[in-house]
C-alpha atoms as a PDB file:
ATOM      1  CA  MET A   1      -2.587   6.803  34.920  1.00  0.00           C
ATOM      2  CA  SER A   2      -6.141   5.569  35.414  1.00  0.00           C
ATOM      3  CA  ILE A   3      -7.600   2.790  33.253  1.00  0.00           C
ATOM      4  CA  SER A   4     -10.108   5.160  31.614  1.00  0.00           C
ATOM      5  CA  LEU A   5      -7.382   7.693  30.814  1.00  0.00           C
ATOM      6  CA  ARG A   6      -5.168   4.933  29.411  1.00  0.00           C
ATOM      7  CA  LYS A   7      -8.027   3.739  27.179  1.00  0.00           C
ATOM      8  CA  MET A   8      -8.648   7.310  26.014  1.00  0.00           C
ATOM      9  CA  SER A   9      -4.964   7.745  25.153  1.00  0.00           C
ATOM     10  CA  LEU A  10      -4.943   4.498  23.164  1.00  0.00           C
ATOM     11  CA  ALA A  11      -8.102   5.546  21.315  1.00  0.00           C
ATOM     12  CA  ILE A  12      -6.565   8.903  20.380  1.00  0.00           C
ATOM     13  CA  LEU A  13      -3.383   7.159  19.182  1.00  0.00           C
ATOM     14  CA  ALA A  14      -5.361   4.647  17.106  1.00  0.00           C
ATOM     15  CA  SER A  15      -7.421   7.447  15.577  1.00  0.00           C
ATOM     16  CA  ALA A  16      -4.269   9.335  14.651  1.00  0.00           C
ATOM     17  CA  LEU A  17      -2.729   6.265  13.037  1.00  0.00           C
ATOM     18  CA  LEU A  18      -5.866   5.544  10.997  1.00  0.00           C
ATOM     19  CA  SER A  19      -6.024   9.176   9.923  1.00  0.00           C
ATOM     20  CA  SER A  20      -2.402   9.201   8.792  1.00  0.00           C
ATOM     21  CA  THR A  21      -2.650   5.927   6.866  1.00  0.00           C
ATOM     22  CA  ALA A  22      -5.861   6.989   5.164  1.00  0.00           C
ATOM     23  CA  HIS A  23      -4.204  10.284   4.227  1.00  0.00           C
ATOM     24  CA  ALA A  24      -1.315   8.239   2.794  1.00  0.00           C
ATOM     25  CA  GLY A  25      -3.757   6.420   0.506  1.00  0.00           C
ATOM     26  CA  ILE A  26      -3.842   2.944   2.068  1.00  0.00           C
ATOM     27  CA  PHE A  27      -7.617   3.054   2.621  1.00  0.00           C
ATOM     28  CA  ASP A  28      -8.471   5.330  -0.308  1.00  0.00           C
ATOM     29  CA  PHE A  29     -11.020   4.085  -2.856  1.00  0.00           C
ATOM     30  CA  ASP A  30     -11.129   6.002  -6.122  1.00  0.00           C
ATOM     31  CA  PRO A  31     -14.337   5.984  -8.209  1.00  0.00           C
ATOM     32  CA  ALA A  32     -14.094   4.041 -11.492  1.00  0.00           C
ATOM     33  CA  PRO A  33     -16.577   2.910 -14.159  1.00  0.00           C
ATOM     34  CA  GLY A  34     -18.182  -0.393 -13.211  1.00  0.00           C
ATOM     35  CA  GLY A  35     -20.872  -2.678 -14.566  1.00  0.00           C
ATOM     36  CA  ALA A  36     -21.968  -6.225 -15.329  1.00  0.00           C
ATOM     37  CA  TYR A  37     -20.524  -8.567 -17.949  1.00  0.00           C
ATOM     38  CA  VAL A  38     -20.754 -12.074 -19.377  1.00  0.00           C
ATOM     39  CA  SER A  39     -17.818 -14.088 -20.684  1.00  0.00           C
ATOM     40  CA  GLY A  40     -16.953 -17.383 -22.338  1.00  0.00           C
ATOM     41  CA  PHE A  41     -13.639 -19.150 -22.847  1.00  0.00           C
ATOM     42  CA  VAL A  42     -11.962 -22.209 -24.359  1.00  0.00           C
ATOM     43  CA  GLY A  43      -8.458 -23.617 -24.196  1.00  0.00           C
ATOM     44  CA  GLY A  44      -6.263 -26.455 -23.043  1.00  0.00           C
ATOM     45  CA  ALA A  45      -6.390 -28.371 -19.747  1.00  0.00           C
ATOM     46  CA  PHE A  46      -3.172 -29.946 -18.492  1.00  0.00           C
ATOM     47  CA  PRO A  47      -3.964 -32.229 -15.531  1.00  0.00           C
ATOM     48  CA  PHE A  48      -1.099 -33.335 -13.311  1.00  0.00           C
ATOM     49  CA  ASP A  49      -0.727 -37.023 -12.467  1.00  0.00           C
ATOM     50  CA  ALA A  50      -3.411 -38.568 -10.284  1.00  0.00           C
ATOM     51  CA  ASN A  51      -2.163 -40.379  -7.175  1.00  0.00           C
ATOM     52  CA  PHE A  52      -5.044 -42.328  -5.653  1.00  0.00           C
ATOM     53  CA  ASP A  53      -3.850 -43.890  -2.382  1.00  0.00           C
ATOM     54  CA  GLY A  54      -5.560 -46.317  -0.036  1.00  0.00           C
ATOM     55  CA  THR A  55      -5.334 -49.633   1.827  1.00  0.00           C
ATOM     56  CA  GLN A  56      -6.728 -52.858   0.445  1.00  0.00           C
ATOM     57  CA  ASP A  57      -9.716 -54.387   2.226  1.00  0.00           C
ATOM     58  CA  PRO A  58     -11.073 -56.798  -0.380  1.00  0.00           C
ATOM     59  CA  ALA A  59     -14.580 -58.165  -0.122  1.00  0.00           C
ATOM     60  CA  ALA A  60     -15.004 -61.939   0.008  1.00  0.00           C
ATOM     61  CA  GLY A  61     -13.902 -63.529  -3.254  1.00  0.00           C
ATOM     62  CA  VAL A  62     -12.239 -60.344  -4.564  1.00  0.00           C
ATOM     63  CA  PRO A  63      -8.503 -60.554  -5.409  1.00  0.00           C
ATOM     64  CA  GLY A  64      -6.203 -58.547  -3.128  1.00  0.00           C
ATOM     65  CA  VAL A  65      -4.264 -58.593   0.139  1.00  0.00           C
ATOM     66  CA  ALA A  66      -5.939 -57.067   3.180  1.00  0.00           C
ATOM     67  CA  GLY A  67      -3.774 -54.299   4.640  1.00  0.00           C
ATOM     68  CA  ALA A  68      -1.605 -53.941   1.543  1.00  0.00           C
ATOM     69  CA  ASP A  69      -1.160 -50.653  -0.269  1.00  0.00           C
ATOM     70  CA  ALA A  70      -3.538 -49.653  -3.043  1.00  0.00           C
ATOM     71  CA  ASP A  71      -1.643 -46.871  -4.836  1.00  0.00           C
ATOM     72  CA  ILE A  72      -2.917 -45.993  -8.308  1.00  0.00           C
ATOM     73  CA  ASP A  73      -0.907 -43.464 -10.321  1.00  0.00           C
ATOM     74  CA  ALA A  74      -2.325 -42.253 -13.620  1.00  0.00           C
ATOM     75  CA  GLU A  75      -1.108 -39.782 -16.233  1.00  0.00           C
ATOM     76  CA  PHE A  76      -3.603 -37.856 -18.378  1.00  0.00           C
ATOM     77  CA  ASP A  77      -3.637 -36.486 -21.887  1.00  0.00           C
ATOM     78  CA  THR A  78      -4.230 -32.798 -22.561  1.00  0.00           C
ATOM     79  CA  ASP A  79      -7.895 -31.956 -23.079  1.00  0.00           C
ATOM     80  CA  VAL A  80     -10.096 -29.059 -24.177  1.00  0.00           C
ATOM     81  CA  VAL A  81     -11.558 -26.971 -21.355  1.00  0.00           C
ATOM     82  CA  PHE A  82     -14.485 -24.604 -21.879  1.00  0.00           C
ATOM     83  CA  GLY A  83     -16.702 -22.494 -19.677  1.00  0.00           C
ATOM     84  CA  GLY A  84     -18.445 -19.220 -19.007  1.00  0.00           C
ATOM     85  CA  ALA A  85     -19.059 -16.653 -16.307  1.00  0.00           C
ATOM     86  CA  VAL A  86     -21.319 -13.794 -15.286  1.00  0.00           C
ATOM     87  CA  GLY A  87     -19.764 -11.026 -13.265  1.00  0.00           C
ATOM     88  CA  VAL A  88     -19.661  -7.433 -12.156  1.00  0.00           C
ATOM     89  CA  LYS A  89     -16.834  -4.914 -12.181  1.00  0.00           C
ATOM     90  CA  LEU A  90     -17.057  -2.958  -8.944  1.00  0.00           C
ATOM     91  CA  PRO A  91     -17.179   0.865  -9.363  1.00  0.00           C
ATOM     92  CA  PHE A  92     -13.943   1.733  -7.529  1.00  0.00           C
ATOM     93  CA  ARG A  93     -10.205   1.140  -7.440  1.00  0.00           C
ATOM     94  CA  TYR A  94      -8.149   0.334  -4.361  1.00  0.00           C
ATOM     95  CA  TRP A  95      -4.492   1.290  -3.934  1.00  0.00           C
ATOM     96  CA  LYS A  96      -5.050   3.619  -6.945  1.00  0.00           C
ATOM     97  CA  TYR A  97      -4.516   0.963  -9.636  1.00  0.00           C
ATOM     98  CA  PHE A  98      -6.543  -2.166  -8.809  1.00  0.00           C
ATOM     99  CA  GLN A  99     -10.203  -2.550  -9.789  1.00  0.00           C
ATOM    100  CA  PRO A 100     -11.930  -5.667  -8.425  1.00  0.00           C
ATOM    101  CA  ARG A 101     -14.338  -7.963 -10.244  1.00  0.00           C
ATOM    102  CA  LEU A 102     -16.617 -10.639  -8.790  1.00  0.00           C
ATOM    103  CA  GLU A 103     -17.971 -13.464 -10.932  1.00  0.00           C
ATOM    104  CA  LEU A 104     -19.742 -16.820 -10.940  1.00  0.00           C
ATOM    105  CA  GLU A 105     -18.158 -19.383 -13.248  1.00  0.00           C
ATOM    106  CA  VAL A 106     -18.904 -22.844 -14.609  1.00  0.00           C
ATOM    107  CA  SER A 107     -16.267 -24.778 -16.577  1.00  0.00           C
ATOM    108  CA  HIS A 108     -15.654 -28.353 -17.688  1.00  0.00           C
ATOM    109  CA  PHE A 109     -13.122 -30.730 -19.191  1.00  0.00           C
ATOM    110  CA  GLU A 110     -12.657 -34.492 -19.545  1.00  0.00           C
ATOM    111  CA  ALA A 111      -9.145 -35.926 -19.736  1.00  0.00           C
ATOM    112  CA  ASP A 112      -8.269 -39.378 -21.091  1.00  0.00           C
ATOM    113  CA  VAL A 113      -5.850 -41.603 -19.191  1.00  0.00           C
ATOM    114  CA  ASP A 114      -2.548 -42.003 -21.036  1.00  0.00           C
ATOM    115  CA  GLU A 115      -0.619 -44.414 -18.812  1.00  0.00           C
ATOM    116  CA  GLY A 116      -0.033 -45.329 -15.182  1.00  0.00           C
ATOM    117  CA  ASP A 117       0.900 -47.980 -12.651  1.00  0.00           C
ATOM    118  CA  PHE A 118      -0.513 -49.788  -9.628  1.00  0.00           C
ATOM    119  CA  ASN A 119       1.908 -50.076  -6.675  1.00  0.00           C
ATOM    120  CA  GLY A 120       4.768 -49.323  -9.084  1.00  0.00           C
ATOM    121  CA  GLY A 121       3.995 -52.306 -11.316  1.00  0.00           C
ATOM    122  CA  ASP A 122       3.728 -52.759 -15.074  1.00  0.00           C
ATOM    123  CA  GLN A 123       0.151 -52.331 -16.272  1.00  0.00           C
ATOM    124  CA  THR A 124      -1.787 -51.049 -19.280  1.00  0.00           C
ATOM    125  CA  PHE A 125      -4.074 -48.139 -18.367  1.00  0.00           C
ATOM    126  CA  SER A 126      -7.175 -46.613 -19.978  1.00  0.00           C
ATOM    127  CA  GLY A 127     -10.235 -44.603 -18.990  1.00  0.00           C
ATOM    128  CA  ASP A 128     -10.849 -40.948 -18.235  1.00  0.00           C
ATOM    129  CA  GLN A 129     -11.688 -38.370 -15.581  1.00  0.00           C
ATOM    130  CA  SER A 130     -14.111 -35.482 -16.037  1.00  0.00           C
ATOM    131  CA  LEU A 131     -14.215 -32.329 -13.908  1.00  0.00           C
ATOM    132  CA  THR A 132     -16.912 -29.651 -13.737  1.00  0.00           C
ATOM    133  CA  PHE A 133     -16.134 -26.525 -11.694  1.00  0.00           C
ATOM    134  CA  TYR A 134     -18.626 -24.202  -9.970  1.00  0.00           C
ATOM    135  CA  LEU A 135     -16.657 -21.208  -8.719  1.00  0.00           C
ATOM    136  CA  ILE A 136     -16.913 -17.785  -7.116  1.00  0.00           C
ATOM    137  CA  ASN A 137     -13.993 -15.720  -8.426  1.00  0.00           C
ATOM    138  CA  ASN A 138     -12.457 -12.499  -7.131  1.00  0.00           C
ATOM    139  CA  VAL A 139     -10.261 -10.822  -9.756  1.00  0.00           C
ATOM    140  CA  SER A 140      -8.426  -7.470  -9.785  1.00  0.00           C
ATOM    141  CA  ASP A 141      -7.613  -5.532 -12.966  1.00  0.00           C
ATOM    142  CA  PHE A 142      -4.344  -3.559 -12.856  1.00  0.00           C
ATOM    143  CA  GLN A 143      -5.016  -0.160 -14.499  1.00  0.00           C
ATOM    144  CA  TRP A 144      -2.640   2.811 -14.392  1.00  0.00           C
ATOM    145  CA  THR A 145      -4.460   4.955 -16.990  1.00  0.00           C
ATOM    146  CA  ASP A 146      -8.160   5.433 -17.802  1.00  0.00           C
ATOM    147  CA  ASN A 147      -7.690   4.741 -21.528  1.00  0.00           C
ATOM    148  CA  GLN A 148      -5.562   1.612 -21.090  1.00  0.00           C
ATOM    149  CA  ARG A 149      -6.176  -0.990 -23.823  1.00  0.00           C
ATOM    150  CA  VAL A 150      -4.112  -3.884 -22.399  1.00  0.00           C
ATOM    151  CA  ILE A 151      -4.986  -4.665 -18.774  1.00  0.00           C
ATOM    152  CA  PRO A 152      -3.185  -7.307 -16.677  1.00  0.00           C
ATOM    153  CA  TYR A 153      -5.223  -9.011 -13.985  1.00  0.00           C
ATOM    154  CA  PHE A 154      -4.808 -11.550 -11.213  1.00  0.00           C
ATOM    155  CA  GLY A 155      -7.043 -13.311  -8.744  1.00  0.00           C
ATOM    156  CA  GLY A 156      -8.495 -16.596  -7.641  1.00  0.00           C
ATOM    157  CA  GLY A 157     -11.623 -18.418  -6.668  1.00  0.00           C
ATOM    158  CA  ILE A 158     -13.192 -21.054  -4.474  1.00  0.00           C
ATOM    159  CA  GLY A 159     -16.051 -23.448  -4.981  1.00  0.00           C
ATOM    160  CA  VAL A 160     -16.727 -27.091  -5.710  1.00  0.00           C
ATOM    161  CA  ALA A 161     -16.021 -29.472  -8.541  1.00  0.00           C
ATOM    162  CA  THR A 162     -17.904 -32.616  -9.481  1.00  0.00           C
ATOM    163  CA  VAL A 163     -15.534 -35.397 -10.490  1.00  0.00           C
ATOM    164  CA  ASP A 164     -16.336 -38.537 -12.468  1.00  0.00           C
ATOM    165  CA  THR A 165     -13.382 -40.947 -12.237  1.00  0.00           C
ATOM    166  CA  ASP A 166     -13.087 -44.086 -14.388  1.00  0.00           C
ATOM    167  CA  ILE A 167      -9.463 -45.294 -14.438  1.00  0.00           C
ATOM    168  CA  GLN A 168      -9.040 -48.898 -15.634  1.00  0.00           C
ATOM    169  CA  TYR A 169      -6.006 -51.160 -15.998  1.00  0.00           C
ATOM    170  CA  PHE A 170      -4.696 -54.705 -16.350  1.00  0.00           C
ATOM    171  CA  PRO A 171      -1.271 -56.284 -15.712  1.00  0.00           C
ATOM    172  CA  ASN A 172       1.105 -56.812 -18.616  1.00  0.00           C
ATOM    173  CA  ASN A 173       1.587 -60.475 -17.740  1.00  0.00           C
ATOM    174  CA  GLY A 174       0.726 -61.929 -21.132  1.00  0.00           C
ATOM    175  CA  VAL A 175      -2.528 -63.319 -19.754  1.00  0.00           C
ATOM    176  CA  ALA A 176      -4.918 -60.390 -19.264  1.00  0.00           C
ATOM    177  CA  THR A 177      -6.008 -58.475 -22.346  1.00  0.00           C
ATOM    178  CA  ALA A 178      -8.834 -56.371 -20.869  1.00  0.00           C
ATOM    179  CA  PRO A 179      -9.139 -54.242 -17.712  1.00  0.00           C
ATOM    180  CA  THR A 180      -9.216 -56.275 -14.503  1.00  0.00           C
ATOM    181  CA  PHE A 181      -9.246 -53.431 -11.936  1.00  0.00           C
ATOM    182  CA  ALA A 182     -10.552 -49.867 -11.867  1.00  0.00           C
ATOM    183  CA  ALA A 183     -10.634 -46.755  -9.720  1.00  0.00           C
ATOM    184  CA  GLN A 184     -14.161 -45.456 -10.152  1.00  0.00           C
ATOM    185  CA  GLY A 185     -16.527 -43.021  -8.507  1.00  0.00           C
ATOM    186  CA  ASP A 186     -18.540 -39.810  -8.634  1.00  0.00           C
ATOM    187  CA  ASP A 187     -17.553 -37.235  -6.040  1.00  0.00           C
ATOM    188  CA  THR A 188     -17.896 -33.552  -5.182  1.00  0.00           C
ATOM    189  CA  ALA A 189     -14.740 -31.886  -3.868  1.00  0.00           C
ATOM    190  CA  PHE A 190     -13.727 -28.477  -2.549  1.00  0.00           C
ATOM    191  CA  ALA A 191     -11.851 -26.568  -5.268  1.00  0.00           C
ATOM    192  CA  THR A 192      -9.566 -23.547  -5.430  1.00  0.00           C
ATOM    193  CA  VAL A 193      -8.070 -21.717  -8.402  1.00  0.00           C
ATOM    194  CA  SER A 194      -5.366 -19.078  -8.869  1.00  0.00           C
ATOM    195  CA  ASN A 195      -5.117 -17.203 -12.134  1.00  0.00           C
ATOM    196  CA  ILE A 196      -3.329 -14.429 -14.013  1.00  0.00           C
ATOM    197  CA  GLY A 197      -4.259 -12.988 -17.374  1.00  0.00           C
ATOM    198  CA  LEU A 198      -4.312 -10.147 -19.889  1.00  0.00           C
ATOM    199  CA  THR A 199      -7.400  -8.339 -21.162  1.00  0.00           C
ATOM    200  CA  PHE A 200      -7.307  -6.676 -24.589  1.00  0.00           C
ATOM    201  CA  LYS A 201     -10.024  -4.042 -24.908  1.00  0.00           C
ATOM    202  CA  ALA A 202     -11.283  -4.215 -28.487  1.00  0.00           C
ATOM    203  CA  THR A 203     -14.027  -1.664 -27.685  1.00  0.00           C
ATOM    204  CA  ASP A 204     -15.572  -0.258 -24.515  1.00  0.00           C
ATOM    205  CA  LYS A 205     -18.143  -3.068 -24.660  1.00  0.00           C
ATOM    206  CA  PHE A 206     -16.064  -5.996 -25.945  1.00  0.00           C
ATOM    207  CA  ASP A 207     -12.899  -7.563 -24.489  1.00  0.00           C
ATOM    208  CA  ILE A 208     -10.668 -10.419 -25.552  1.00  0.00           C
ATOM    209  CA  TYR A 209      -8.605 -12.052 -22.839  1.00  0.00           C
ATOM    210  CA  THR A 210      -6.125 -14.841 -22.235  1.00  0.00           C
ATOM    211  CA  GLU A 211      -5.589 -16.548 -18.896  1.00  0.00           C
ATOM    212  CA  ALA A 212      -3.328 -19.055 -17.136  1.00  0.00           C
ATOM    213  CA  ARG A 213      -4.811 -20.904 -14.153  1.00  0.00           C
ATOM    214  CA  TYR A 214      -3.722 -23.392 -11.511  1.00  0.00           C
ATOM    215  CA  TYR A 215      -6.510 -25.475  -9.990  1.00  0.00           C
ATOM    216  CA  LYS A 216      -6.630 -27.911  -7.083  1.00  0.00           C
ATOM    217  CA  LEU A 217      -9.321 -30.262  -5.773  1.00  0.00           C
ATOM    218  CA  TYR A 218      -9.075 -31.579  -2.232  1.00  0.00           C
ATOM    219  CA  GLY A 219      -9.936 -35.139  -1.212  1.00  0.00           C
ATOM    220  CA  VAL A 220     -11.360 -36.687  -4.389  1.00  0.00           C
ATOM    221  CA  ASP A 221     -12.710 -40.124  -3.409  1.00  0.00           C
ATOM    222  CA  ALA A 222     -13.003 -43.269  -5.524  1.00  0.00           C
ATOM    223  CA  GLU A 223     -13.169 -47.053  -5.077  1.00  0.00           C
ATOM    224  CA  ARG A 224     -10.717 -49.595  -6.369  1.00  0.00           C
ATOM    225  CA  THR A 225     -12.838 -52.427  -7.711  1.00  0.00           C
ATOM    226  CA  PHE A 226     -12.211 -55.758  -9.399  1.00  0.00           C
ATOM    227  CA  ILE A 227     -13.947 -55.716 -12.788  1.00  0.00           C
ATOM    228  CA  GLY A 228     -12.268 -58.740 -14.383  1.00  0.00           C
ATOM    229  CA  ASP A 229     -15.357 -60.907 -13.956  1.00  0.00           C
ATOM    230  CA  GLY A 230     -17.738 -58.280 -15.295  1.00  0.00           C
ATOM    231  CA  GLY A 231     -18.793 -57.147 -11.825  1.00  0.00           C
ATOM    232  CA  GLU A 232     -17.563 -54.465  -9.419  1.00  0.00           C
ATOM    233  CA  GLY A 233     -16.017 -56.286  -6.458  1.00  0.00           C
ATOM    234  CA  PHE A 234     -14.794 -53.883  -3.762  1.00  0.00           C
ATOM    235  CA  ASN A 235     -11.082 -53.846  -2.980  1.00  0.00           C
ATOM    236  CA  ALA A 236     -10.212 -50.446  -1.411  1.00  0.00           C
ATOM    237  CA  ASP A 237     -11.269 -46.865  -0.786  1.00  0.00           C
ATOM    238  CA  VAL A 238      -8.752 -44.495  -2.408  1.00  0.00           C
ATOM    239  CA  ASP A 239      -8.449 -40.712  -2.568  1.00  0.00           C
ATOM    240  CA  ASP A 240      -6.366 -38.028  -4.261  1.00  0.00           C
ATOM    241  CA  ASP A 241      -5.778 -34.260  -4.285  1.00  0.00           C
ATOM    242  CA  THR A 242      -6.262 -33.525  -7.973  1.00  0.00           C
ATOM    243  CA  ASP A 243      -4.513 -30.547  -9.561  1.00  0.00           C
ATOM    244  CA  GLY A 244      -3.249 -29.099 -12.840  1.00  0.00           C
ATOM    245  CA  PHE A 245      -3.388 -25.954 -14.933  1.00  0.00           C
ATOM    246  CA  THR A 246      -5.275 -24.494 -17.876  1.00  0.00           C
ATOM    247  CA  LEU A 247      -4.441 -21.995 -20.623  1.00  0.00           C
ATOM    248  CA  THR A 248      -7.472 -20.318 -22.189  1.00  0.00           C
ATOM    249  CA  VAL A 249      -8.636 -17.499 -24.451  1.00  0.00           C
ATOM    250  CA  GLY A 250     -12.015 -15.854 -24.055  1.00  0.00           C
ATOM    251  CA  ALA A 251     -14.341 -12.997 -24.887  1.00  0.00           C
ATOM    252  CA  ARG A 252     -16.150 -10.679 -22.498  1.00  0.00           C
ATOM    253  CA  ILE A 253     -19.195  -8.500 -23.228  1.00  0.00           C
ATOM    254  CA  ASN A 254     -19.578  -5.504 -20.890  1.00  0.00           C
ATOM    255  CA  PHE A 255     -22.950  -3.900 -20.151  1.00  0.00           C
END
């Protein structure tokens, strides 16, 4: 069989396969009502422990051991998260039941430090960490009837988050009574989210929804500094992959 004839045979086979799968509904897109919307939400943020890791390289006169570990673990309290989004529901469904939405979101929370340790020691911790997310979300509503009033959805998003870290601590040695070291810094990190939720359609124009979300920030940077003398003496660069989850309720106005 010649090369050209072989290519023609493969093209005919590929065309037949595409035709059969499209006929089976894999590539079918059914028209559905679409439109723009705005939304706002509030709820609880539940950050997982921070694990800032690095290697000590203290500046002259700063306490520390060059080459030693600088591992700062911190636990956070629950905090209030709030945010809003503008989006559009695309005017079709794929795989018969799934209608996609695209949205731009901004959200924020600030969590207080509850406790922690440095290199597994015994210290008193304080401070906080604030996160502001700027996300592009892709969400799919799961609809099996046109007049459905409760609509599950799932999706995720990518973007960036600005992080303001201020974790302070001092050893419980009976001598120090105020923070002597801190992990501090402002950084912008790549962020991803995964979420599932339920929409309750109060009217055609107004929705109430509840959502569970897992978030993760990659490579959040900070500096371990000595603050016991009132200054900010460098000790180590440290970083962490910050993650946690949120539970929120919100309202959506459809146009």
